[in-house]
Amino acid sequence: MAKYREILRLKSLGFSDRNIAHSVTCSRNTIPRVLEKAKELGLNWPLSDEMTDGAIEKLLYPKEKPIATTNRMMPDCVYIRK
């Protein structure tokens, strides 16, 4: 899991994306994606103590809805084999 709190904190201090990526040991491409999603959600540093990395991750990347099952009939394998 990325260190979302640390990413937001370091960006508020003016660090470059490359330096932040090196500091939190994650991909250089992860930093702008996290910052863009945080900006869309209005997350700014300083964050409250309730906003843990897990809570931030749930806000930034909500779980997608499961794929809906269809009402298709399964083929008759015995008939096909004959």
PDB file of N, CA and C in Angstrom:
ATOM      1  N   MET A   1       0.845  -1.168   0.000  1.00  0.00           N
ATOM      2  CA  MET A   1       0.000   0.000   0.000  1.00  0.00           C
ATOM      3  C   MET A   1       0.896   1.238   0.000  1.00  0.00           C
ATOM      4  N   ALA A   2       0.512   2.204  -0.779  1.00  0.00           N
ATOM      5  CA  ALA A   2       1.257   3.456  -0.827  1.00  0.00           C
ATOM      6  C   ALA A   2       1.014   4.243   0.463  1.00  0.00           C
ATOM      7  N   LYS A   3       1.941   5.089   0.798  1.00  0.00           N
ATOM      8  CA  LYS A   3       1.829   5.913   1.997  1.00  0.00           C
ATOM      9  C   LYS A   3       1.174   7.238   1.601  1.00  0.00           C
ATOM     10  N   TYR A   4      -0.154   7.210   1.534  1.00  0.00           N
ATOM     11  CA  TYR A   4      -0.906   8.349   1.015  1.00  0.00           C
ATOM     12  C   TYR A   4      -0.744   9.599   1.865  1.00  0.00           C
ATOM     13  N   ARG A   5      -0.745   9.445   3.174  1.00  0.00           N
ATOM     14  CA  ARG A   5      -0.566  10.611   4.055  1.00  0.00           C
ATOM     15  C   ARG A   5       0.782  11.270   3.803  1.00  0.00           C
ATOM     16  N   GLU A   6       1.809  10.449   3.664  1.00  0.00           N
ATOM     17  CA  GLU A   6       3.161  10.984   3.448  1.00  0.00           C
ATOM     18  C   GLU A   6       3.262  11.661   2.086  1.00  0.00           C
ATOM     19  N   ILE A   7       2.598  11.105   1.081  1.00  0.00           N
ATOM     20  CA  ILE A   7       2.608  11.718  -0.255  1.00  0.00           C
ATOM     21  C   ILE A   7       1.995  13.117  -0.182  1.00  0.00           C
ATOM     22  N   LEU A   8       0.845  13.238   0.468  1.00  0.00           N
ATOM     23  CA  LEU A   8       0.187  14.538   0.578  1.00  0.00           C
ATOM     24  C   LEU A   8       1.017  15.521   1.411  1.00  0.00           C
ATOM     25  N   ARG A   9       1.644  15.005   2.471  1.00  0.00           N
ATOM     26  CA  ARG A   9       2.459  15.882   3.322  1.00  0.00           C
ATOM     27  C   ARG A   9       3.668  16.419   2.577  1.00  0.00           C
ATOM     28  N   LEU A  10       4.368  15.536   1.881  1.00  0.00           N
ATOM     29  CA  LEU A  10       5.564  15.963   1.166  1.00  0.00           C
ATOM     30  C   LEU A  10       5.232  16.915   0.018  1.00  0.00           C
ATOM     31  N   LYS A  11       4.111  16.686  -0.643  1.00  0.00           N
ATOM     32  CA  LYS A  11       3.720  17.594  -1.727  1.00  0.00           C
ATOM     33  C   LYS A  11       3.389  18.968  -1.172  1.00  0.00           C
ATOM     34  N   SER A  12       2.782  19.023   0.020  1.00  0.00           N
ATOM     35  CA  SER A  12       2.463  20.318   0.625  1.00  0.00           C
ATOM     36  C   SER A  12       3.737  21.079   1.010  1.00  0.00           C
ATOM     37  N   LEU A  13       4.817  20.339   1.221  1.00  0.00           N
ATOM     38  CA  LEU A  13       6.101  20.972   1.547  1.00  0.00           C
ATOM     39  C   LEU A  13       6.871  21.387   0.301  1.00  0.00           C
ATOM     40  N   GLY A  14       6.347  21.043  -0.884  1.00  0.00           N
ATOM     41  CA  GLY A  14       6.967  21.491  -2.126  1.00  0.00           C
ATOM     42  C   GLY A  14       7.940  20.511  -2.754  1.00  0.00           C
ATOM     43  N   PHE A  15       7.954  19.275  -2.326  1.00  0.00           N
ATOM     44  CA  PHE A  15       8.847  18.279  -2.910  1.00  0.00           C
ATOM     45  C   PHE A  15       8.365  17.912  -4.305  1.00  0.00           C
ATOM     46  N   SER A  16       9.300  17.532  -5.168  1.00  0.00           N
ATOM     47  CA  SER A  16       8.942  17.098  -6.517  1.00  0.00           C
ATOM     48  C   SER A  16       8.372  15.686  -6.466  1.00  0.00           C
ATOM     49  N   ASP A  17       7.644  15.320  -7.521  1.00  0.00           N
ATOM     50  CA  ASP A  17       7.048  13.988  -7.583  1.00  0.00           C
ATOM     51  C   ASP A  17       8.120  12.907  -7.519  1.00  0.00           C
ATOM     52  N   ARG A  18       9.234  13.150  -8.173  1.00  0.00           N
ATOM     53  CA  ARG A  18      10.323  12.175  -8.186  1.00  0.00           C
ATOM     54  C   ARG A  18      10.909  11.979  -6.793  1.00  0.00           C
ATOM     55  N   ASN A  19      11.090  13.068  -6.063  1.00  0.00           N
ATOM     56  CA  ASN A  19      11.626  12.962  -4.702  1.00  0.00           C
ATOM     57  C   ASN A  19      10.638  12.277  -3.760  1.00  0.00           C
ATOM     58  N   ILE A  20       9.352  12.562  -3.951  1.00  0.00           N
ATOM     59  CA  ILE A  20       8.330  11.911  -3.122  1.00  0.00           C
ATOM     60  C   ILE A  20       8.327  10.414  -3.390  1.00  0.00           C
ATOM     61  N   ALA A  21       8.395  10.030  -4.672  1.00  0.00           N
ATOM     62  CA  ALA A  21       8.397   8.610  -5.035  1.00  0.00           C
ATOM     63  C   ALA A  21       9.592   7.902  -4.414  1.00  0.00           C
ATOM     64  N   HIS A  22      10.722   8.555  -4.423  1.00  0.00           N
ATOM     65  CA  HIS A  22      11.925   7.960  -3.825  1.00  0.00           C
ATOM     66  C   HIS A  22      11.769   7.842  -2.306  1.00  0.00           C
ATOM     67  N   SER A  23      11.160   8.831  -1.692  1.00  0.00           N
ATOM     68  CA  SER A  23      11.020   8.845  -0.240  1.00  0.00           C
ATOM     69  C   SER A  23      10.037   7.776   0.259  1.00  0.00           C
ATOM     70  N   VAL A  24       8.924   7.586  -0.449  1.00  0.00           N
ATOM     71  CA  VAL A  24       7.914   6.631   0.013  1.00  0.00           C
ATOM     72  C   VAL A  24       8.040   5.283  -0.692  1.00  0.00           C
ATOM     73  N   THR A  25       9.066   5.124  -1.491  1.00  0.00           N
ATOM     74  CA  THR A  25       9.362   3.891  -2.234  1.00  0.00           C
ATOM     75  C   THR A  25       8.152   3.357  -2.994  1.00  0.00           C
ATOM     76  N   CYS A  26       7.679   4.180  -3.917  1.00  0.00           N
ATOM     77  CA  CYS A  26       6.628   3.735  -4.821  1.00  0.00           C
ATOM     78  C   CYS A  26       6.954   4.264  -6.216  1.00  0.00           C
ATOM     79  N   SER A  27       6.145   3.890  -7.172  1.00  0.00           N
ATOM     80  CA  SER A  27       6.381   4.272  -8.552  1.00  0.00           C
ATOM     81  C   SER A  27       6.264   5.781  -8.735  1.00  0.00           C
ATOM     82  N   ARG A  28       7.073   6.305  -9.618  1.00  0.00           N
ATOM     83  CA  ARG A  28       7.029   7.719  -9.945  1.00  0.00           C
ATOM     84  C   ARG A  28       5.679   8.096 -10.553  1.00  0.00           C
ATOM     85  N   ASN A  29       5.049   7.147 -11.239  1.00  0.00           N
ATOM     86  CA  ASN A  29       3.762   7.394 -11.882  1.00  0.00           C
ATOM     87  C   ASN A  29       2.602   7.367 -10.890  1.00  0.00           C
ATOM     88  N   THR A  30       2.817   6.777  -9.741  1.00  0.00           N
ATOM     89  CA  THR A  30       1.770   6.700  -8.720  1.00  0.00           C
ATOM     90  C   THR A  30       1.502   8.068  -8.110  1.00  0.00           C
ATOM     91  N   ILE A  31       2.529   8.847  -7.935  1.00  0.00           N
ATOM     92  CA  ILE A  31       2.412  10.132  -7.231  1.00  0.00           C
ATOM     93  C   ILE A  31       1.423  11.077  -7.919  1.00  0.00           C
ATOM     94  N   PRO A  32       1.566  11.356  -9.227  1.00  0.00           N
ATOM     95  CA  PRO A  32       0.590  12.270  -9.843  1.00  0.00           C
ATOM     96  C   PRO A  32      -0.834  11.726  -9.843  1.00  0.00           C
ATOM     97  N   ARG A  33      -0.994  10.391  -9.962  1.00  0.00           N
ATOM     98  CA  ARG A  33      -2.339   9.810  -9.923  1.00  0.00           C
ATOM     99  C   ARG A  33      -2.982  10.018  -8.560  1.00  0.00           C
ATOM    100  N   VAL A  34      -2.218   9.775  -7.503  1.00  0.00           N
ATOM    101  CA  VAL A  34      -2.737   9.963  -6.144  1.00  0.00           C
ATOM    102  C   VAL A  34      -3.067  11.432  -5.904  1.00  0.00           C
ATOM    103  N   LEU A  35      -2.188  12.326  -6.324  1.00  0.00           N
ATOM    104  CA  LEU A  35      -2.415  13.750  -6.098  1.00  0.00           C
ATOM    105  C   LEU A  35      -3.615  14.261  -6.886  1.00  0.00           C
ATOM    106  N   GLU A  36      -3.807  13.754  -8.092  1.00  0.00           N
ATOM    107  CA  GLU A  36      -4.944  14.176  -8.906  1.00  0.00           C
ATOM    108  C   GLU A  36      -6.261  13.719  -8.282  1.00  0.00           C
ATOM    109  N   LYS A  37      -6.305  12.454  -7.831  1.00  0.00           N
ATOM    110  CA  LYS A  37      -7.525  11.945  -7.203  1.00  0.00           C
ATOM    111  C   LYS A  37      -7.791  12.659  -5.883  1.00  0.00           C
ATOM    112  N   ALA A  38      -6.730  12.962  -5.131  1.00  0.00           N
ATOM    113  CA  ALA A  38      -6.903  13.677  -3.866  1.00  0.00           C
ATOM    114  C   ALA A  38      -7.445  15.079  -4.124  1.00  0.00           C
ATOM    115  N   LYS A  39      -6.977  15.716  -5.185  1.00  0.00           N
ATOM    116  CA  LYS A  39      -7.461  17.054  -5.527  1.00  0.00           C
ATOM    117  C   LYS A  39      -8.945  17.004  -5.905  1.00  0.00           C
ATOM    118  N   GLU A  40      -9.350  15.968  -6.657  1.00  0.00           N
ATOM    119  CA  GLU A  40     -10.756  15.808  -7.040  1.00  0.00           C
ATOM    120  C   GLU A  40     -11.647  15.645  -5.812  1.00  0.00           C
ATOM    121  N   LEU A  41     -11.124  14.950  -4.795  1.00  0.00           N
ATOM    122  CA  LEU A  41     -11.900  14.702  -3.578  1.00  0.00           C
ATOM    123  C   LEU A  41     -11.764  15.817  -2.545  1.00  0.00           C
ATOM    124  N   GLY A  42     -10.876  16.769  -2.800  1.00  0.00           N
ATOM    125  CA  GLY A  42     -10.685  17.872  -1.879  1.00  0.00           C
ATOM    126  C   GLY A  42      -9.847  17.521  -0.662  1.00  0.00           C
ATOM    127  N   LEU A  43      -8.981  16.514  -0.791  1.00  0.00           N
ATOM    128  CA  LEU A  43      -8.095  16.138   0.319  1.00  0.00           C
ATOM    129  C   LEU A  43      -6.858  17.023   0.290  1.00  0.00           C
ATOM    130  N   ASN A  44      -6.635  17.762   1.347  1.00  0.00           N
ATOM    131  CA  ASN A  44      -5.468  18.636   1.460  1.00  0.00           C
ATOM    132  C   ASN A  44      -4.770  18.368   2.776  1.00  0.00           C
ATOM    133  N   TRP A  45      -3.487  18.632   2.786  1.00  0.00           N
ATOM    134  CA  TRP A  45      -2.721  18.530   4.020  1.00  0.00           C
ATOM    135  C   TRP A  45      -2.927  19.797   4.799  1.00  0.00           C
ATOM    136  N   PRO A  46      -3.119  19.801   6.095  1.00  0.00           N
ATOM    137  CA  PRO A  46      -3.060  18.691   7.035  1.00  0.00           C
ATOM    138  C   PRO A  46      -4.378  17.920   7.073  1.00  0.00           C
ATOM    139  N   LEU A  47      -4.244  16.640   7.273  1.00  0.00           N
ATOM    140  CA  LEU A  47      -5.396  15.747   7.378  1.00  0.00           C
ATOM    141  C   LEU A  47      -5.692  15.472   8.842  1.00  0.00           C
ATOM    142  N   SER A  48      -6.921  15.103   9.120  1.00  0.00           N
ATOM    143  CA  SER A  48      -7.273  14.742  10.493  1.00  0.00           C
ATOM    144  C   SER A  48      -6.634  13.392  10.826  1.00  0.00           C
ATOM    145  N   ASP A  49      -6.534  13.100  12.107  1.00  0.00           N
ATOM    146  CA  ASP A  49      -5.946  11.831  12.554  1.00  0.00           C
ATOM    147  C   ASP A  49      -6.775  10.628  12.132  1.00  0.00           C
ATOM    148  N   GLU A  50      -8.065  10.855  11.869  1.00  0.00           N
ATOM    149  CA  GLU A  50      -8.939   9.763  11.445  1.00  0.00           C
ATOM    150  C   GLU A  50      -8.616   9.284  10.030  1.00  0.00           C
ATOM    151  N   MET A  51      -7.975  10.121   9.253  1.00  0.00           N
ATOM    152  CA  MET A  51      -7.661   9.789   7.863  1.00  0.00           C
ATOM    153  C   MET A  51      -6.362   8.978   7.815  1.00  0.00           C
ATOM    154  N   THR A  52      -6.497   7.689   8.025  1.00  0.00           N
ATOM    155  CA  THR A  52      -5.340   6.798   7.926  1.00  0.00           C
ATOM    156  C   THR A  52      -5.105   6.474   6.454  1.00  0.00           C
ATOM    157  N   ASP A  53      -3.989   5.799   6.182  1.00  0.00           N
ATOM    158  CA  ASP A  53      -3.707   5.402   4.804  1.00  0.00           C
ATOM    159  C   ASP A  53      -4.801   4.493   4.258  1.00  0.00           C
ATOM    160  N   GLY A  54      -5.328   3.624   5.094  1.00  0.00           N
ATOM    161  CA  GLY A  54      -6.404   2.735   4.665  1.00  0.00           C
ATOM    162  C   GLY A  54      -7.675   3.494   4.316  1.00  0.00           C
ATOM    163  N   ALA A  55      -8.017   4.490   5.120  1.00  0.00           N
ATOM    164  CA  ALA A  55      -9.215   5.293   4.858  1.00  0.00           C
ATOM    165  C   ALA A  55      -9.051   6.116   3.589  1.00  0.00           C
ATOM    166  N   ILE A  56      -7.861   6.640   3.388  1.00  0.00           N
ATOM    167  CA  ILE A  56      -7.592   7.429   2.174  1.00  0.00           C
ATOM    168  C   ILE A  56      -7.667   6.531   0.948  1.00  0.00           C
ATOM    169  N   GLU A  57      -7.125   5.320   1.062  1.00  0.00           N
ATOM    170  CA  GLU A  57      -7.170   4.390  -0.067  1.00  0.00           C
ATOM    171  C   GLU A  57      -8.614   4.060  -0.442  1.00  0.00           C
ATOM    172  N   LYS A  58      -9.476   3.874   0.550  1.00  0.00           N
ATOM    173  CA  LYS A  58     -10.882   3.583   0.267  1.00  0.00           C
ATOM    174  C   LYS A  58     -11.559   4.752  -0.435  1.00  0.00           C
ATOM    175  N   LEU A  59     -11.160   5.980  -0.097  1.00  0.00           N
ATOM    176  CA  LEU A  59     -11.722   7.152  -0.765  1.00  0.00           C
ATOM    177  C   LEU A  59     -11.207   7.281  -2.195  1.00  0.00           C
ATOM    178  N   LEU A  60      -9.902   7.071  -2.373  1.00  0.00           N
ATOM    179  CA  LEU A  60      -9.298   7.254  -3.691  1.00  0.00           C
ATOM    180  C   LEU A  60      -9.670   6.139  -4.655  1.00  0.00           C
ATOM    181  N   TYR A  61      -9.708   4.919  -4.163  1.00  0.00           N
ATOM    182  CA  TYR A  61      -9.952   3.754  -5.013  1.00  0.00           C
ATOM    183  C   TYR A  61     -11.071   2.898  -4.429  1.00  0.00           C
ATOM    184  N   PRO A  62     -12.320   3.349  -4.565  1.00  0.00           N
ATOM    185  CA  PRO A  62     -13.422   2.523  -4.044  1.00  0.00           C
ATOM    186  C   PRO A  62     -13.518   1.229  -4.833  1.00  0.00           C
ATOM    187  N   LYS A  63     -13.936   0.182  -4.145  1.00  0.00           N
ATOM    188  CA  LYS A  63     -14.059  -1.112  -4.819  1.00  0.00           C
ATOM    189  C   LYS A  63     -15.169  -1.034  -5.847  1.00  0.00           C
ATOM    190  N   GLU A  64     -14.887  -1.613  -6.991  1.00  0.00           N
ATOM    191  CA  GLU A  64     -15.868  -1.593  -8.061  1.00  0.00           C
ATOM    192  C   GLU A  64     -16.973  -2.610  -7.780  1.00  0.00           C
ATOM    193  N   LYS A  65     -18.113  -2.387  -8.389  1.00  0.00           N
ATOM    194  CA  LYS A  65     -19.235  -3.299  -8.229  1.00  0.00           C
ATOM    195  C   LYS A  65     -18.890  -4.625  -8.899  1.00  0.00           C
ATOM    196  N   PRO A  66     -19.319  -5.725  -8.313  1.00  0.00           N
ATOM    197  CA  PRO A  66     -19.046  -7.022  -8.947  1.00  0.00           C
ATOM    198  C   PRO A  66     -19.791  -7.128 -10.278  1.00  0.00           C
ATOM    199  N   ILE A  67     -19.237  -7.922 -11.154  1.00  0.00           N
ATOM    200  CA  ILE A  67     -19.838  -8.115 -12.462  1.00  0.00           C
ATOM    201  C   ILE A  67     -21.167  -8.858 -12.287  1.00  0.00           C
ATOM    202  N   ALA A  68     -22.185  -8.334 -12.913  1.00  0.00           N
ATOM    203  CA  ALA A  68     -23.511  -8.936 -12.788  1.00  0.00           C
ATOM    204  C   ALA A  68     -23.548 -10.272 -13.530  1.00  0.00           C
ATOM    205  N   THR A  69     -24.204 -11.226 -12.930  1.00  0.00           N
ATOM    206  CA  THR A  69     -24.351 -12.517 -13.585  1.00  0.00           C
ATOM    207  C   THR A  69     -25.495 -12.425 -14.592  1.00  0.00           C
ATOM    208  N   THR A  70     -25.421 -13.247 -15.619  1.00  0.00           N
ATOM    209  CA  THR A  70     -26.464 -13.236 -16.636  1.00  0.00           C
ATOM    210  C   THR A  70     -27.349 -14.460 -16.467  1.00  0.00           C
ATOM    211  N   ASN A  71     -28.478 -14.425 -17.102  1.00  0.00           N
ATOM    212  CA  ASN A  71     -29.424 -15.529 -17.039  1.00  0.00           C
ATOM    213  C   ASN A  71     -29.311 -16.438 -18.259  1.00  0.00           C
ATOM    214  N   ARG A  72     -28.161 -16.492 -18.852  1.00  0.00           N
ATOM    215  CA  ARG A  72     -27.962 -17.335 -20.020  1.00  0.00           C
ATOM    216  C   ARG A  72     -27.971 -18.800 -19.610  1.00  0.00           C
ATOM    217  N   MET A  73     -28.499 -19.607 -20.501  1.00  0.00           N
ATOM    218  CA  MET A  73     -28.508 -21.049 -20.245  1.00  0.00           C
ATOM    219  C   MET A  73     -27.168 -21.642 -20.657  1.00  0.00           C
ATOM    220  N   MET A  74     -26.709 -22.608 -19.905  1.00  0.00           N
ATOM    221  CA  MET A  74     -25.483 -23.316 -20.256  1.00  0.00           C
ATOM    222  C   MET A  74     -25.787 -24.255 -21.424  1.00  0.00           C
ATOM    223  N   PRO A  75     -24.824 -24.440 -22.316  1.00  0.00           N
ATOM    224  CA  PRO A  75     -25.068 -25.334 -23.448  1.00  0.00           C
ATOM    225  C   PRO A  75     -25.196 -26.785 -22.980  1.00  0.00           C
ATOM    226  N   ASP A  76     -25.918 -27.556 -23.745  1.00  0.00           N
ATOM    227  CA  ASP A  76     -26.108 -28.968 -23.452  1.00  0.00           C
ATOM    228  C   ASP A  76     -24.878 -29.721 -23.967  1.00  0.00           C
ATOM    229  N   CYS A  77     -23.926 -29.979 -23.085  1.00  0.00           N
ATOM    230  CA  CYS A  77     -22.648 -30.586 -23.489  1.00  0.00           C
ATOM    231  C   CYS A  77     -22.829 -31.989 -24.043  1.00  0.00           C
ATOM    232  N   VAL A  78     -23.759 -32.741 -23.525  1.00  0.00           N
ATOM    233  CA  VAL A  78     -23.984 -34.110 -24.014  1.00  0.00           C
ATOM    234  C   VAL A  78     -24.452 -34.055 -25.477  1.00  0.00           C
ATOM    235  N   TYR A  79     -25.373 -33.148 -25.775  1.00  0.00           N
ATOM    236  CA  TYR A  79     -25.880 -33.011 -27.138  1.00  0.00           C
ATOM    237  C   TYR A  79     -24.761 -32.569 -28.079  1.00  0.00           C
ATOM    238  N   ILE A  80     -23.954 -31.624 -27.625  1.00  0.00           N
ATOM    239  CA  ILE A  80     -22.870 -31.108 -28.455  1.00  0.00           C
ATOM    240  C   ILE A  80     -21.855 -32.211 -28.744  1.00  0.00           C
ATOM    241  N   ARG A  81     -21.561 -33.036 -27.750  1.00  0.00           N
ATOM    242  CA  ARG A  81     -20.579 -34.090 -27.928  1.00  0.00           C
ATOM    243  C   ARG A  81     -21.047 -35.139 -28.935  1.00  0.00           C
ATOM    244  N   LYS A  82     -22.362 -35.434 -28.961  1.00  0.00           N
ATOM    245  CA  LYS A  82     -22.889 -36.390 -29.916  1.00  0.00           C
ATOM    246  C   LYS A  82     -22.774 -35.830 -31.306  1.00  0.00           C
TER     247      LYS A  82
END
